[in-house]
C-alpha cells in the first residue's frame, strides 16, 4: 500500500501544457493571452486600461443615416440682435436682414427697427410694433 500519493503537478513535469489546452496554459489567468487578445465586449479585466489609454476603442463611430426630423431653423432673441452686424442705419431707423432666423421675443427693443426674418414669435412681433418698427416675414420680406 502506497502511503504518499504523487502530486499531479509532478506527473506533468516535462509537458508544456500540464494537461490543459494551449490557451488555458498561457498564464496570467484565462484572459486570452497578451496584447489586444481577450479585449472583447466582456473583457472586464482589461477595460480600465483600454478606457484610460485607448478611449475610442469601444463604441461606434463613422457614418450614420440622415436624420428623419426636419432641421429646426436658427432662432435669435430680440435682445441678442446686433444691429451693427446684421443691419444698416437708414432715415427710417434700422433695417435688419435676418432671413435665416426665427425672431423670438426675449429681451427689449427701444429703437425703431424694420426686421426681415423667416418667422416671428407673437411676443417679438408685438414688441417690434410697440417700438414703432415693422416685422416682415415671408413674401413681405422680399
N, C-alpha and C. Protein backbone atom coordinates (compact mmCIF):
# COMPACT_ATOMS: atom_id res chain seq x y z
N UNK A 1 0.83 -1.17 0.00
CA UNK A 1 0.00 0.00 0.00
C UNK A 1 0.89 1.25 0.00
N UNK A 2 0.53 2.23 -0.92
CA UNK A 2 1.28 3.48 -1.01
C UNK A 2 0.80 4.43 0.06
N UNK A 3 1.73 5.03 0.77
CA UNK A 3 1.35 5.97 1.80
C UNK A 3 1.28 7.41 1.26
N UNK A 4 2.15 7.75 0.32
CA UNK A 4 2.17 9.12 -0.20
C UNK A 4 1.87 9.09 -1.69
N UNK A 5 0.80 9.76 -2.08
CA UNK A 5 0.42 9.81 -3.48
C UNK A 5 1.25 10.88 -4.19
N UNK A 6 1.69 10.59 -5.39
CA UNK A 6 2.49 11.52 -6.18
C UNK A 6 1.60 12.68 -6.65
N UNK A 7 2.09 13.90 -6.52
CA UNK A 7 1.30 15.08 -6.90
C UNK A 7 1.08 15.11 -8.41
N UNK A 8 -0.07 15.71 -8.80
CA UNK A 8 -0.41 15.80 -10.21
C UNK A 8 0.60 16.68 -10.96
N UNK A 9 1.03 17.79 -10.33
CA UNK A 9 1.98 18.68 -10.98
C UNK A 9 3.31 17.98 -11.25
N UNK A 10 3.66 17.07 -10.40
CA UNK A 10 4.91 16.33 -10.59
C UNK A 10 4.78 15.38 -11.78
N UNK A 11 3.60 14.82 -11.96
CA UNK A 11 3.39 13.90 -13.09
C UNK A 11 3.46 14.63 -14.42
N UNK A 12 3.13 15.95 -14.45
CA UNK A 12 3.15 16.71 -15.68
C UNK A 12 4.49 17.38 -15.96
N UNK A 13 5.49 17.16 -15.15
CA UNK A 13 6.81 17.75 -15.40
C UNK A 13 7.32 17.27 -16.76
N UNK A 14 7.77 18.23 -17.56
CA UNK A 14 8.27 17.87 -18.89
C UNK A 14 7.24 18.10 -19.99
N UNK A 15 5.97 18.22 -19.63
CA UNK A 15 4.96 18.50 -20.66
C UNK A 15 4.67 20.01 -20.65
N UNK A 16 4.43 20.56 -21.80
CA UNK A 16 4.27 22.01 -21.90
C UNK A 16 2.98 22.52 -21.27
N UNK A 17 1.91 21.77 -21.43
CA UNK A 17 0.60 22.31 -21.08
C UNK A 17 0.04 21.80 -19.76
N UNK A 18 0.67 20.89 -19.14
CA UNK A 18 0.20 20.30 -17.88
C UNK A 18 -1.23 19.79 -18.00
N UNK A 19 -1.51 19.15 -19.10
CA UNK A 19 -2.81 18.52 -19.28
C UNK A 19 -3.93 19.47 -19.66
N UNK A 20 -3.60 20.73 -19.94
CA UNK A 20 -4.63 21.71 -20.31
C UNK A 20 -4.43 22.13 -21.75
N UNK A 21 -5.44 22.79 -22.31
CA UNK A 21 -5.30 23.28 -23.68
C UNK A 21 -4.29 24.44 -23.71
N UNK A 22 -3.84 24.77 -24.92
CA UNK A 22 -2.78 25.76 -25.06
C UNK A 22 -3.22 27.13 -24.54
N UNK A 23 -4.45 27.48 -24.79
CA UNK A 23 -4.92 28.81 -24.39
C UNK A 23 -5.01 28.94 -22.88
N UNK A 24 -5.45 27.89 -22.21
CA UNK A 24 -5.61 27.95 -20.76
C UNK A 24 -4.27 27.85 -20.03
N UNK A 25 -3.26 27.40 -20.71
CA UNK A 25 -1.98 27.18 -20.04
C UNK A 25 -1.00 28.33 -20.23
N UNK A 26 -1.47 29.44 -20.78
CA UNK A 26 -0.54 30.54 -21.07
C UNK A 26 -0.16 31.35 -19.83
N UNK A 27 -0.91 31.26 -18.76
CA UNK A 27 -0.58 32.03 -17.57
C UNK A 27 -1.36 33.32 -17.53
N UNK A 28 -1.22 34.05 -16.47
CA UNK A 28 -1.93 35.31 -16.22
C UNK A 28 -3.45 35.12 -16.31
N UNK A 29 -3.93 34.05 -15.82
CA UNK A 29 -5.37 33.83 -15.81
C UNK A 29 -5.91 33.45 -17.17
N UNK A 30 -7.21 33.38 -17.27
CA UNK A 30 -7.85 32.95 -18.51
C UNK A 30 -8.34 34.16 -19.29
N UNK A 31 -7.47 35.08 -19.62
CA UNK A 31 -7.92 36.27 -20.33
C UNK A 31 -7.54 36.24 -21.79
N UNK A 32 -7.09 35.15 -22.30
CA UNK A 32 -6.91 35.01 -23.73
C UNK A 32 -5.58 35.49 -24.26
N UNK A 33 -4.55 35.52 -23.48
CA UNK A 33 -3.23 35.85 -24.00
C UNK A 33 -2.81 37.26 -23.71
N UNK A 34 -1.82 37.74 -24.48
CA UNK A 34 -1.24 39.06 -24.24
C UNK A 34 -1.74 40.05 -25.29
N UNK A 35 -1.47 41.30 -25.06
CA UNK A 35 -1.82 42.31 -26.05
C UNK A 35 -3.31 42.56 -26.11
N UNK A 36 -3.84 42.68 -27.34
CA UNK A 36 -5.25 43.01 -27.53
C UNK A 36 -6.16 41.80 -27.46
N UNK A 37 -5.61 40.61 -27.39
CA UNK A 37 -6.48 39.43 -27.36
C UNK A 37 -7.27 39.42 -26.06
N UNK A 38 -8.50 39.01 -26.15
CA UNK A 38 -9.37 38.97 -24.98
C UNK A 38 -9.97 40.32 -24.63
N UNK A 39 -9.90 41.30 -25.51
CA UNK A 39 -10.44 42.62 -25.19
C UNK A 39 -11.84 42.80 -25.75
N UNK A 40 -12.56 41.76 -25.87
CA UNK A 40 -13.91 41.84 -26.42
C UNK A 40 -14.85 42.58 -25.50
N UNK A 41 -16.11 42.39 -25.74
CA UNK A 41 -17.15 43.13 -25.04
C UNK A 41 -17.10 42.91 -23.53
N UNK A 42 -16.77 41.70 -23.12
CA UNK A 42 -16.85 41.36 -21.69
C UNK A 42 -15.49 41.25 -21.03
N UNK A 43 -14.46 41.87 -21.59
CA UNK A 43 -13.12 41.77 -21.02
C UNK A 43 -12.96 42.77 -19.89
N UNK A 44 -13.62 42.51 -18.78
CA UNK A 44 -13.65 43.47 -17.68
C UNK A 44 -12.26 43.70 -17.10
N UNK A 45 -11.40 42.69 -17.15
CA UNK A 45 -10.07 42.83 -16.55
C UNK A 45 -9.19 43.77 -17.33
N UNK A 46 -9.51 44.07 -18.60
CA UNK A 46 -8.69 44.97 -19.41
C UNK A 46 -9.37 46.30 -19.70
N UNK A 47 -10.63 46.44 -19.33
CA UNK A 47 -11.39 47.63 -19.72
C UNK A 47 -10.83 48.93 -19.15
N UNK A 48 -10.38 48.92 -17.90
CA UNK A 48 -9.89 50.17 -17.31
C UNK A 48 -8.64 50.65 -18.04
N UNK A 49 -7.78 49.74 -18.42
CA UNK A 49 -6.56 50.11 -19.14
C UNK A 49 -6.91 50.66 -20.52
N UNK A 50 -7.83 50.01 -21.21
CA UNK A 50 -8.22 50.43 -22.55
C UNK A 50 -8.93 51.78 -22.50
N UNK A 51 -9.82 51.98 -21.51
CA UNK A 51 -10.51 53.25 -21.39
C UNK A 51 -9.55 54.39 -21.10
N UNK A 52 -8.50 54.10 -20.35
CA UNK A 52 -7.55 55.15 -19.97
C UNK A 52 -6.65 55.55 -21.12
N UNK A 53 -6.14 54.58 -21.88
CA UNK A 53 -5.13 54.87 -22.88
C UNK A 53 -5.63 54.79 -24.33
N UNK A 54 -6.73 54.10 -24.57
CA UNK A 54 -7.24 53.93 -25.94
C UNK A 54 -8.73 54.23 -25.95
N UNK A 55 -9.12 55.45 -25.54
CA UNK A 55 -10.50 55.75 -25.23
C UNK A 55 -11.51 55.51 -26.35
N UNK A 56 -11.24 55.74 -27.63
CA UNK A 56 -12.32 55.47 -28.59
C UNK A 56 -12.39 54.00 -29.02
N UNK A 57 -11.78 53.08 -28.29
CA UNK A 57 -11.75 51.67 -28.68
C UNK A 57 -13.14 51.04 -28.67
N UNK A 58 -13.92 51.32 -27.64
CA UNK A 58 -15.28 50.78 -27.55
C UNK A 58 -16.27 51.77 -28.13
N UNK A 59 -17.34 51.29 -28.67
CA UNK A 59 -18.39 52.15 -29.19
C UNK A 59 -18.37 52.26 -30.70
N UNK A 60 -19.34 52.97 -31.21
CA UNK A 60 -19.49 53.09 -32.66
C UNK A 60 -18.95 54.44 -33.13
N UNK A 61 -18.54 54.48 -34.37
CA UNK A 61 -18.14 55.74 -34.98
C UNK A 61 -18.34 55.61 -36.48
N UNK A 62 -18.26 56.73 -37.16
CA UNK A 62 -18.39 56.69 -38.61
C UNK A 62 -19.71 57.25 -39.08
N UNK A 63 -20.07 56.90 -40.28
CA UNK A 63 -21.26 57.46 -40.90
C UNK A 63 -22.52 56.94 -40.25
N UNK A 64 -23.50 57.81 -40.18
CA UNK A 64 -24.82 57.41 -39.70
C UNK A 64 -25.84 57.81 -40.75
N UNK A 65 -27.04 57.33 -40.59
CA UNK A 65 -28.07 57.65 -41.56
C UNK A 65 -28.52 59.10 -41.38
N UNK A 66 -29.16 59.63 -42.38
CA UNK A 66 -29.64 61.00 -42.32
C UNK A 66 -30.73 61.11 -41.27
N UNK A 67 -30.80 62.25 -40.58
CA UNK A 67 -31.85 62.39 -39.57
C UNK A 67 -33.22 62.45 -40.24
N UNK A 68 -34.21 61.88 -39.59
CA UNK A 68 -35.55 61.85 -40.17
C UNK A 68 -36.30 63.14 -39.87
N UNK A 69 -35.95 63.80 -38.76
CA UNK A 69 -36.64 65.05 -38.43
C UNK A 69 -36.11 66.19 -39.27
N UNK A 70 -36.99 67.12 -39.55
CA UNK A 70 -36.59 68.31 -40.27
C UNK A 70 -35.75 69.18 -39.34
N UNK A 71 -34.69 69.76 -39.89
CA UNK A 71 -33.79 70.58 -39.08
C UNK A 71 -34.53 71.83 -38.62
N UNK A 72 -34.40 72.14 -37.34
CA UNK A 72 -35.04 73.33 -36.80
C UNK A 72 -34.31 74.56 -37.30
N UNK A 73 -35.07 75.60 -37.60
CA UNK A 73 -34.44 76.83 -38.07
C UNK A 73 -33.72 77.50 -36.90
N UNK A 74 -32.74 78.29 -37.24
CA UNK A 74 -31.99 79.02 -36.22
C UNK A 74 -32.90 80.08 -35.60
N UNK A 75 -32.70 80.29 -34.31
CA UNK A 75 -33.52 81.25 -33.58
C UNK A 75 -32.63 82.32 -32.99
N UNK A 76 -33.16 83.52 -32.86
CA UNK A 76 -32.44 84.63 -32.25
C UNK A 76 -33.42 85.46 -31.44
N UNK A 77 -33.00 85.89 -30.27
CA UNK A 77 -33.84 86.72 -29.42
C UNK A 77 -33.68 88.19 -29.79
N UNK A 78 -34.71 88.96 -29.52
CA UNK A 78 -34.66 90.40 -29.81
C UNK A 78 -33.49 91.08 -29.10
N UNK A 79 -33.25 90.68 -27.86
CA UNK A 79 -32.17 91.27 -27.09
C UNK A 79 -30.78 90.93 -27.61
N UNK A 80 -30.66 89.86 -28.41
CA UNK A 80 -29.36 89.41 -28.92
C UNK A 80 -29.02 89.95 -30.30
N UNK A 81 -29.94 90.68 -30.91
CA UNK A 81 -29.70 91.19 -32.27
C UNK A 81 -28.69 92.33 -32.21
N UNK A 82 -27.59 92.16 -32.92
CA UNK A 82 -26.57 93.20 -33.03
C UNK A 82 -26.85 93.97 -34.32
N UNK A 83 -27.38 95.19 -34.17
CA UNK A 83 -27.78 95.97 -35.34
C UNK A 83 -26.60 96.29 -36.25
N UNK A 84 -25.43 96.51 -35.68
CA UNK A 84 -24.25 96.82 -36.49
C UNK A 84 -23.82 95.62 -37.34
N UNK A 85 -24.06 94.43 -36.82
CA UNK A 85 -23.64 93.22 -37.53
C UNK A 85 -24.64 92.82 -38.62
N UNK A 86 -25.94 92.84 -38.29
CA UNK A 86 -26.96 92.33 -39.20
C UNK A 86 -27.65 93.40 -40.04
N UNK A 87 -27.55 94.67 -39.66
CA UNK A 87 -28.34 95.67 -40.34
C UNK A 87 -27.57 96.91 -40.73
N UNK A 88 -28.34 97.90 -41.22
CA UNK A 88 -27.75 99.19 -41.57
C UNK A 88 -28.71 100.29 -41.15
N UNK A 89 -28.15 101.43 -40.86
CA UNK A 89 -28.92 102.58 -40.40
C UNK A 89 -29.47 103.34 -41.61
N UNK A 90 -30.77 103.62 -41.58
CA UNK A 90 -31.41 104.40 -42.64
C UNK A 90 -32.15 105.58 -42.01
N UNK A 91 -32.79 106.37 -42.85
CA UNK A 91 -33.54 107.52 -42.33
C UNK A 91 -34.76 107.07 -41.52
N UNK A 92 -35.29 105.89 -41.82
CA UNK A 92 -36.45 105.36 -41.09
C UNK A 92 -36.06 104.59 -39.83
N UNK A 93 -34.79 104.49 -39.52
CA UNK A 93 -34.32 103.70 -38.38
C UNK A 93 -33.39 102.61 -38.88
N UNK A 94 -33.38 101.50 -38.20
CA UNK A 94 -32.51 100.38 -38.59
C UNK A 94 -33.27 99.43 -39.51
N UNK A 95 -32.58 98.92 -40.54
CA UNK A 95 -33.10 97.83 -41.38
C UNK A 95 -32.22 96.62 -41.13
N UNK A 96 -32.84 95.57 -40.64
CA UNK A 96 -32.09 94.37 -40.26
C UNK A 96 -32.56 93.20 -41.10
N UNK A 97 -31.62 92.47 -41.70
CA UNK A 97 -31.94 91.30 -42.52
C UNK A 97 -31.55 90.02 -41.76
N UNK A 98 -32.55 89.31 -41.28
CA UNK A 98 -32.35 88.04 -40.57
C UNK A 98 -33.10 86.93 -41.30
N UNK A 99 -32.82 86.77 -42.58
CA UNK A 99 -33.60 85.86 -43.42
C UNK A 99 -33.47 84.39 -43.02
N UNK A 100 -32.43 84.04 -42.30
CA UNK A 100 -32.23 82.64 -41.89
C UNK A 100 -32.75 82.35 -40.48
N UNK A 101 -33.29 83.36 -39.82
CA UNK A 101 -33.63 83.22 -38.40
C UNK A 101 -35.12 83.33 -38.14
N UNK A 102 -35.54 82.73 -37.02
CA UNK A 102 -36.84 83.00 -36.43
C UNK A 102 -36.56 83.91 -35.24
N UNK A 103 -37.26 85.03 -35.16
CA UNK A 103 -37.02 86.02 -34.11
C UNK A 103 -37.95 85.72 -32.94
N UNK A 104 -37.36 85.60 -31.74
CA UNK A 104 -38.12 85.34 -30.52
C UNK A 104 -38.18 86.60 -29.68
N UNK A 105 -39.11 86.66 -28.73
CA UNK A 105 -39.39 87.89 -28.00
C UNK A 105 -38.61 88.12 -26.73
N UNK A 106 -37.58 87.38 -26.46
CA UNK A 106 -36.78 87.58 -25.24
C UNK A 106 -35.94 88.83 -25.38
N UNK A 107 -36.02 89.73 -24.41
CA UNK A 107 -35.23 90.95 -24.45
C UNK A 107 -36.09 92.16 -24.81
N UNK A 108 -35.46 93.32 -24.78
CA UNK A 108 -36.16 94.57 -25.05
C UNK A 108 -35.61 95.23 -26.31
N UNK A 109 -36.46 96.05 -26.95
CA UNK A 109 -36.05 96.81 -28.13
C UNK A 109 -36.57 98.24 -27.94
N UNK A 110 -35.69 99.23 -28.13
CA UNK A 110 -36.05 100.61 -27.84
C UNK A 110 -36.05 101.49 -29.09
N UNK A 111 -35.45 101.02 -30.16
CA UNK A 111 -35.34 101.83 -31.38
C UNK A 111 -36.36 101.37 -32.42
N UNK A 112 -36.61 102.24 -33.37
CA UNK A 112 -37.49 101.92 -34.49
C UNK A 112 -36.70 101.01 -35.45
N UNK A 113 -37.22 99.81 -35.70
CA UNK A 113 -36.48 98.81 -36.46
C UNK A 113 -37.40 98.13 -37.47
N UNK A 114 -36.89 97.90 -38.68
CA UNK A 114 -37.58 97.09 -39.68
C UNK A 114 -36.78 95.80 -39.79
N UNK A 115 -37.40 94.69 -39.37
CA UNK A 115 -36.70 93.40 -39.36
C UNK A 115 -37.33 92.48 -40.38
N UNK A 116 -36.48 91.92 -41.25
CA UNK A 116 -36.91 90.92 -42.23
C UNK A 116 -36.37 89.58 -41.74
N UNK A 117 -37.28 88.63 -41.49
CA UNK A 117 -36.87 87.34 -40.95
C UNK A 117 -37.74 86.23 -41.53
N UNK A 118 -37.31 85.01 -41.27
CA UNK A 118 -38.06 83.84 -41.73
C UNK A 118 -39.40 83.74 -41.00
N UNK A 119 -39.38 84.01 -39.68
CA UNK A 119 -40.60 83.95 -38.88
C UNK A 119 -40.41 84.77 -37.61
N UNK A 120 -41.54 85.08 -36.95
CA UNK A 120 -41.53 85.84 -35.70
C UNK A 120 -42.43 85.15 -34.70
N UNK A 121 -42.06 85.22 -33.43
CA UNK A 121 -42.99 84.79 -32.39
C UNK A 121 -43.96 85.93 -32.16
N UNK A 122 -45.08 85.62 -31.53
CA UNK A 122 -46.12 86.64 -31.31
C UNK A 122 -45.58 87.77 -30.44
N UNK A 123 -44.85 87.43 -29.38
CA UNK A 123 -44.33 88.46 -28.47
C UNK A 123 -43.29 89.34 -29.16
N UNK A 124 -42.48 88.75 -30.05
CA UNK A 124 -41.47 89.54 -30.76
C UNK A 124 -42.14 90.55 -31.68
N UNK A 125 -43.18 90.11 -32.38
CA UNK A 125 -43.91 90.99 -33.29
C UNK A 125 -44.51 92.18 -32.53
N UNK A 126 -45.11 91.87 -31.37
CA UNK A 126 -45.73 92.92 -30.56
C UNK A 126 -44.70 93.94 -30.09
N UNK A 127 -43.55 93.48 -29.64
CA UNK A 127 -42.51 94.38 -29.14
C UNK A 127 -41.94 95.27 -30.25
N UNK A 128 -41.77 94.71 -31.42
CA UNK A 128 -41.24 95.49 -32.55
C UNK A 128 -42.23 96.58 -32.96
N UNK A 129 -43.50 96.22 -33.05
CA UNK A 129 -44.53 97.18 -33.45
C UNK A 129 -44.77 98.23 -32.35
N UNK A 130 -44.62 97.86 -31.10
CA UNK A 130 -44.77 98.79 -29.98
C UNK A 130 -43.67 99.86 -30.02
N UNK A 131 -42.47 99.48 -30.49
CA UNK A 131 -41.35 100.43 -30.59
C UNK A 131 -41.44 101.27 -31.86
N UNK A 132 -42.45 101.03 -32.69
CA UNK A 132 -42.64 101.82 -33.91
C UNK A 132 -42.01 101.20 -35.14
N UNK A 133 -41.62 99.94 -35.09
CA UNK A 133 -40.98 99.28 -36.23
C UNK A 133 -41.92 98.35 -36.96
N UNK A 134 -41.36 97.57 -37.88
CA UNK A 134 -42.13 96.60 -38.66
C UNK A 134 -41.45 95.24 -38.60
N UNK A 135 -42.28 94.20 -38.59
CA UNK A 135 -41.79 92.82 -38.62
C UNK A 135 -42.25 92.21 -39.94
N UNK A 136 -41.31 91.97 -40.86
CA UNK A 136 -41.66 91.44 -42.18
C UNK A 136 -41.16 90.00 -42.30
N UNK A 137 -42.07 89.13 -42.73
CA UNK A 137 -41.68 87.72 -42.93
C UNK A 137 -42.32 87.21 -44.21
N UNK A 138 -41.75 86.13 -44.73
CA UNK A 138 -42.28 85.53 -45.95
C UNK A 138 -42.12 86.40 -47.16
N UNK A 139 -43.19 86.60 -47.94
CA UNK A 139 -43.15 87.39 -49.17
C UNK A 139 -42.95 88.88 -48.89
N UNK A 140 -43.41 89.33 -47.73
CA UNK A 140 -43.23 90.75 -47.36
C UNK A 140 -41.75 91.11 -47.25
N UNK A 141 -40.94 90.14 -46.78
CA UNK A 141 -39.51 90.39 -46.56
C UNK A 141 -38.74 90.52 -47.86
N UNK A 142 -39.27 89.97 -48.95
CA UNK A 142 -38.59 90.06 -50.24
C UNK A 142 -38.85 91.40 -50.83
